[in-house]
């Protein structure tokens, strides 16, 4: 991830945006300290969209009727 000083980011904002879109997130620093990260909207939406939990997944699954039968075979006789 490339790092941009705030002054440089403001002066070359179009280049910062293009670099972000082409190469991914870009760090912006203020007074030598990491301050913000600039990311594309698509990446932002991916990381902020709530993920569905397992319980919600099963609740949203289509309902189907299953007939589960067990064979009449009780196994084999063993003498101990």
N, C-alpha and C. Protein backbone atom coordinates (compact mmCIF):
# COMPACT_ATOMS: atom_id res chain seq x y z
N UNK A 1 0.85 -1.16 0.00
CA UNK A 1 0.00 0.00 0.00
C UNK A 1 0.91 1.24 0.00
N UNK A 2 0.66 2.09 -0.95
CA UNK A 2 1.44 3.31 -1.06
C UNK A 2 0.99 4.33 -0.01
N UNK A 3 1.92 5.12 0.47
CA UNK A 3 1.61 6.14 1.48
C UNK A 3 1.75 7.53 0.86
N UNK A 4 0.78 8.39 1.12
CA UNK A 4 0.76 9.75 0.60
C UNK A 4 0.71 10.72 1.78
N UNK A 5 1.51 11.77 1.75
CA UNK A 5 1.34 12.81 2.77
C UNK A 5 0.06 13.56 2.45
N UNK A 6 -0.57 14.14 3.44
CA UNK A 6 -1.81 14.85 3.22
C UNK A 6 -1.64 15.98 2.21
N UNK A 7 -0.55 16.72 2.32
CA UNK A 7 -0.28 17.82 1.40
C UNK A 7 -0.15 17.30 -0.03
N UNK A 8 0.56 16.20 -0.20
CA UNK A 8 0.75 15.60 -1.52
C UNK A 8 -0.58 15.03 -2.04
N UNK A 9 -1.36 14.43 -1.15
CA UNK A 9 -2.66 13.86 -1.55
C UNK A 9 -3.61 14.95 -2.04
N UNK A 10 -3.61 16.10 -1.36
CA UNK A 10 -4.47 17.20 -1.77
C UNK A 10 -4.02 17.77 -3.12
N UNK A 11 -2.72 17.90 -3.30
CA UNK A 11 -2.20 18.49 -4.54
C UNK A 11 -2.39 17.56 -5.73
N UNK A 12 -2.39 16.26 -5.48
CA UNK A 12 -2.48 15.28 -6.58
C UNK A 12 -3.67 14.35 -6.38
N UNK A 13 -4.80 14.93 -6.00
CA UNK A 13 -5.97 14.13 -5.64
C UNK A 13 -6.44 13.23 -6.77
N UNK A 14 -6.48 13.71 -7.99
CA UNK A 14 -6.91 12.88 -9.13
C UNK A 14 -6.01 11.67 -9.29
N UNK A 15 -4.72 11.88 -9.12
CA UNK A 15 -3.77 10.76 -9.22
C UNK A 15 -4.00 9.78 -8.07
N UNK A 16 -4.27 10.29 -6.88
CA UNK A 16 -4.56 9.44 -5.73
C UNK A 16 -5.79 8.57 -6.00
N UNK A 17 -6.85 9.17 -6.54
CA UNK A 17 -8.07 8.43 -6.85
C UNK A 17 -7.78 7.35 -7.89
N UNK A 18 -7.09 7.70 -8.95
CA UNK A 18 -6.77 6.72 -10.00
C UNK A 18 -5.91 5.59 -9.46
N UNK A 19 -4.93 5.92 -8.63
CA UNK A 19 -4.06 4.89 -8.06
C UNK A 19 -4.87 3.96 -7.16
N UNK A 20 -5.78 4.54 -6.40
CA UNK A 20 -6.65 3.75 -5.52
C UNK A 20 -7.50 2.78 -6.34
N UNK A 21 -8.06 3.24 -7.43
CA UNK A 21 -8.90 2.39 -8.27
C UNK A 21 -8.10 1.30 -8.97
N UNK A 22 -6.88 1.61 -9.36
CA UNK A 22 -6.06 0.65 -10.09
C UNK A 22 -5.28 -0.30 -9.19
N UNK A 23 -4.77 0.21 -8.05
CA UNK A 23 -3.84 -0.58 -7.23
C UNK A 23 -4.37 -0.90 -5.83
N UNK A 24 -5.58 -0.50 -5.53
CA UNK A 24 -6.12 -0.81 -4.21
C UNK A 24 -5.95 0.32 -3.21
N UNK A 25 -6.19 0.03 -1.93
CA UNK A 25 -6.18 1.04 -0.88
C UNK A 25 -4.88 1.85 -0.83
N UNK A 26 -5.04 3.13 -0.46
CA UNK A 26 -3.91 4.04 -0.36
C UNK A 26 -3.94 4.71 1.01
N UNK A 27 -2.78 4.77 1.69
CA UNK A 27 -2.66 5.38 3.01
C UNK A 27 -2.36 6.86 2.87
N UNK A 28 -3.02 7.69 3.67
CA UNK A 28 -2.74 9.13 3.72
C UNK A 28 -2.24 9.43 5.12
N UNK A 29 -1.12 10.14 5.21
CA UNK A 29 -0.52 10.46 6.50
C UNK A 29 -0.63 11.95 6.78
N UNK A 30 -0.65 12.27 8.06
CA UNK A 30 -0.61 13.67 8.50
C UNK A 30 0.48 13.77 9.57
N UNK A 31 1.42 14.66 9.35
CA UNK A 31 2.56 14.85 10.27
C UNK A 31 3.30 13.53 10.50
N UNK A 32 3.38 12.71 9.45
CA UNK A 32 4.12 11.46 9.51
C UNK A 32 3.38 10.30 10.16
N UNK A 33 2.14 10.50 10.56
CA UNK A 33 1.36 9.44 11.19
C UNK A 33 0.25 8.97 10.25
N UNK A 34 0.05 7.66 10.18
CA UNK A 34 -1.04 7.12 9.38
C UNK A 34 -2.36 7.71 9.87
N UNK A 35 -3.13 8.28 8.95
CA UNK A 35 -4.35 8.98 9.35
C UNK A 35 -5.59 8.35 8.76
N UNK A 36 -5.62 8.17 7.44
CA UNK A 36 -6.78 7.58 6.78
C UNK A 36 -6.31 6.66 5.67
N UNK A 37 -7.21 5.78 5.28
CA UNK A 37 -6.97 4.91 4.13
C UNK A 37 -8.07 5.21 3.12
N UNK A 38 -7.67 5.43 1.89
CA UNK A 38 -8.63 5.68 0.82
C UNK A 38 -8.82 4.38 0.05
N UNK A 39 -10.10 3.97 -0.08
CA UNK A 39 -10.41 2.74 -0.81
C UNK A 39 -11.54 3.01 -1.79
N UNK A 40 -11.63 2.16 -2.78
CA UNK A 40 -12.70 2.26 -3.78
C UNK A 40 -14.04 1.89 -3.14
N UNK A 41 -15.11 2.45 -3.66
CA UNK A 41 -16.45 2.20 -3.14
C UNK A 41 -16.77 0.71 -3.15
N UNK A 42 -16.39 0.02 -4.20
CA UNK A 42 -16.68 -1.41 -4.31
C UNK A 42 -16.06 -2.19 -3.14
N UNK A 43 -14.82 -1.87 -2.80
CA UNK A 43 -14.16 -2.53 -1.67
C UNK A 43 -14.83 -2.15 -0.35
N UNK A 44 -15.20 -0.88 -0.22
CA UNK A 44 -15.87 -0.41 0.99
C UNK A 44 -17.18 -1.16 1.21
N UNK A 45 -17.95 -1.33 0.15
CA UNK A 45 -19.23 -2.03 0.25
C UNK A 45 -19.03 -3.49 0.64
N UNK A 46 -17.95 -4.10 0.14
CA UNK A 46 -17.69 -5.50 0.47
C UNK A 46 -17.38 -5.67 1.96
N UNK A 47 -16.63 -4.72 2.53
CA UNK A 47 -16.24 -4.89 3.93
C UNK A 47 -17.28 -4.37 4.90
N UNK A 48 -18.24 -3.57 4.44
CA UNK A 48 -19.25 -3.04 5.36
C UNK A 48 -20.60 -3.72 5.24
N UNK A 49 -20.81 -4.53 4.21
CA UNK A 49 -22.08 -5.24 4.05
C UNK A 49 -22.14 -6.34 5.10
N UNK A 50 -23.20 -6.35 5.91
CA UNK A 50 -23.30 -7.39 6.94
C UNK A 50 -23.39 -8.77 6.31
N UNK A 51 -22.68 -9.68 6.92
CA UNK A 51 -22.72 -11.06 6.42
C UNK A 51 -23.84 -11.80 7.12
N UNK A 52 -24.39 -12.74 6.40
CA UNK A 52 -25.49 -13.53 6.93
C UNK A 52 -24.94 -14.61 7.86
N UNK A 53 -25.52 -14.74 9.03
CA UNK A 53 -25.11 -15.77 9.97
C UNK A 53 -25.65 -17.13 9.55
N UNK A 54 -25.13 -18.17 10.15
CA UNK A 54 -25.54 -19.52 9.79
C UNK A 54 -27.02 -19.75 10.10
N UNK A 55 -27.48 -19.24 11.24
CA UNK A 55 -28.89 -19.39 11.59
C UNK A 55 -29.80 -18.71 10.57
N UNK A 56 -29.43 -17.49 10.15
CA UNK A 56 -30.21 -16.78 9.15
C UNK A 56 -30.20 -17.52 7.81
N UNK A 57 -29.06 -18.12 7.49
CA UNK A 57 -28.95 -18.89 6.25
C UNK A 57 -29.95 -20.04 6.25
N UNK A 58 -30.01 -20.79 7.36
CA UNK A 58 -30.93 -21.92 7.43
C UNK A 58 -32.38 -21.45 7.46
N UNK A 59 -32.64 -20.32 8.12
CA UNK A 59 -34.01 -19.81 8.15
C UNK A 59 -34.49 -19.34 6.78
N UNK A 60 -33.57 -18.88 5.96
CA UNK A 60 -33.95 -18.40 4.63
C UNK A 60 -33.94 -19.50 3.57
N UNK A 61 -33.49 -20.68 3.94
CA UNK A 61 -33.43 -21.79 2.99
C UNK A 61 -34.85 -22.23 2.63
N UNK A 62 -35.05 -22.69 1.41
CA UNK A 62 -36.39 -23.15 1.01
C UNK A 62 -36.81 -24.38 1.83
N UNK A 63 -38.08 -24.44 2.12
CA UNK A 63 -38.63 -25.56 2.89
C UNK A 63 -38.96 -26.71 1.94
N UNK A 64 -38.48 -27.88 2.27
CA UNK A 64 -38.78 -29.07 1.48
C UNK A 64 -39.18 -30.19 2.43
N UNK A 65 -40.06 -31.04 1.97
CA UNK A 65 -40.49 -32.19 2.77
C UNK A 65 -39.58 -33.36 2.43
N UNK A 66 -39.01 -33.93 3.44
CA UNK A 66 -38.15 -35.10 3.26
C UNK A 66 -38.79 -36.28 3.95
N UNK A 67 -38.78 -37.40 3.27
CA UNK A 67 -39.24 -38.63 3.90
C UNK A 67 -38.01 -39.47 4.16
N UNK A 68 -37.68 -39.53 5.42
CA UNK A 68 -36.49 -40.28 5.81
C UNK A 68 -36.97 -41.55 6.50
N UNK A 69 -36.66 -42.66 5.92
CA UNK A 69 -37.07 -43.94 6.49
C UNK A 69 -35.87 -44.72 6.97
N UNK A 70 -36.14 -45.64 7.85
CA UNK A 70 -35.08 -46.48 8.36
C UNK A 70 -35.38 -47.92 7.96
N UNK A 71 -34.40 -48.60 7.43
CA UNK A 71 -34.66 -49.98 7.02
C UNK A 71 -35.01 -50.85 8.23
N UNK A 72 -35.80 -51.89 7.98
CA UNK A 72 -36.23 -52.79 9.05
C UNK A 72 -35.13 -53.69 9.58
N UNK A 73 -34.01 -53.75 8.92
CA UNK A 73 -32.91 -54.61 9.33
C UNK A 73 -32.38 -54.14 10.69
N UNK A 74 -32.32 -55.07 11.65
CA UNK A 74 -31.84 -54.70 12.98
C UNK A 74 -30.38 -55.08 13.19
N UNK A 75 -29.75 -55.53 12.19
CA UNK A 75 -28.34 -55.89 12.33
C UNK A 75 -28.17 -57.39 12.45
N UNK A 76 -27.08 -57.79 12.99
CA UNK A 76 -26.80 -59.23 13.13
C UNK A 76 -26.78 -59.62 14.60
N UNK A 77 -27.05 -60.87 14.84
CA UNK A 77 -27.03 -61.40 16.21
C UNK A 77 -25.59 -61.76 16.57
N UNK A 78 -25.19 -61.35 17.76
CA UNK A 78 -23.85 -61.65 18.23
C UNK A 78 -23.98 -62.34 19.58
N UNK A 79 -23.29 -63.45 19.72
CA UNK A 79 -23.31 -64.12 21.02
C UNK A 79 -22.04 -63.77 21.77
N UNK A 80 -22.21 -63.38 23.01
CA UNK A 80 -21.06 -62.99 23.82
C UNK A 80 -20.79 -64.01 24.88
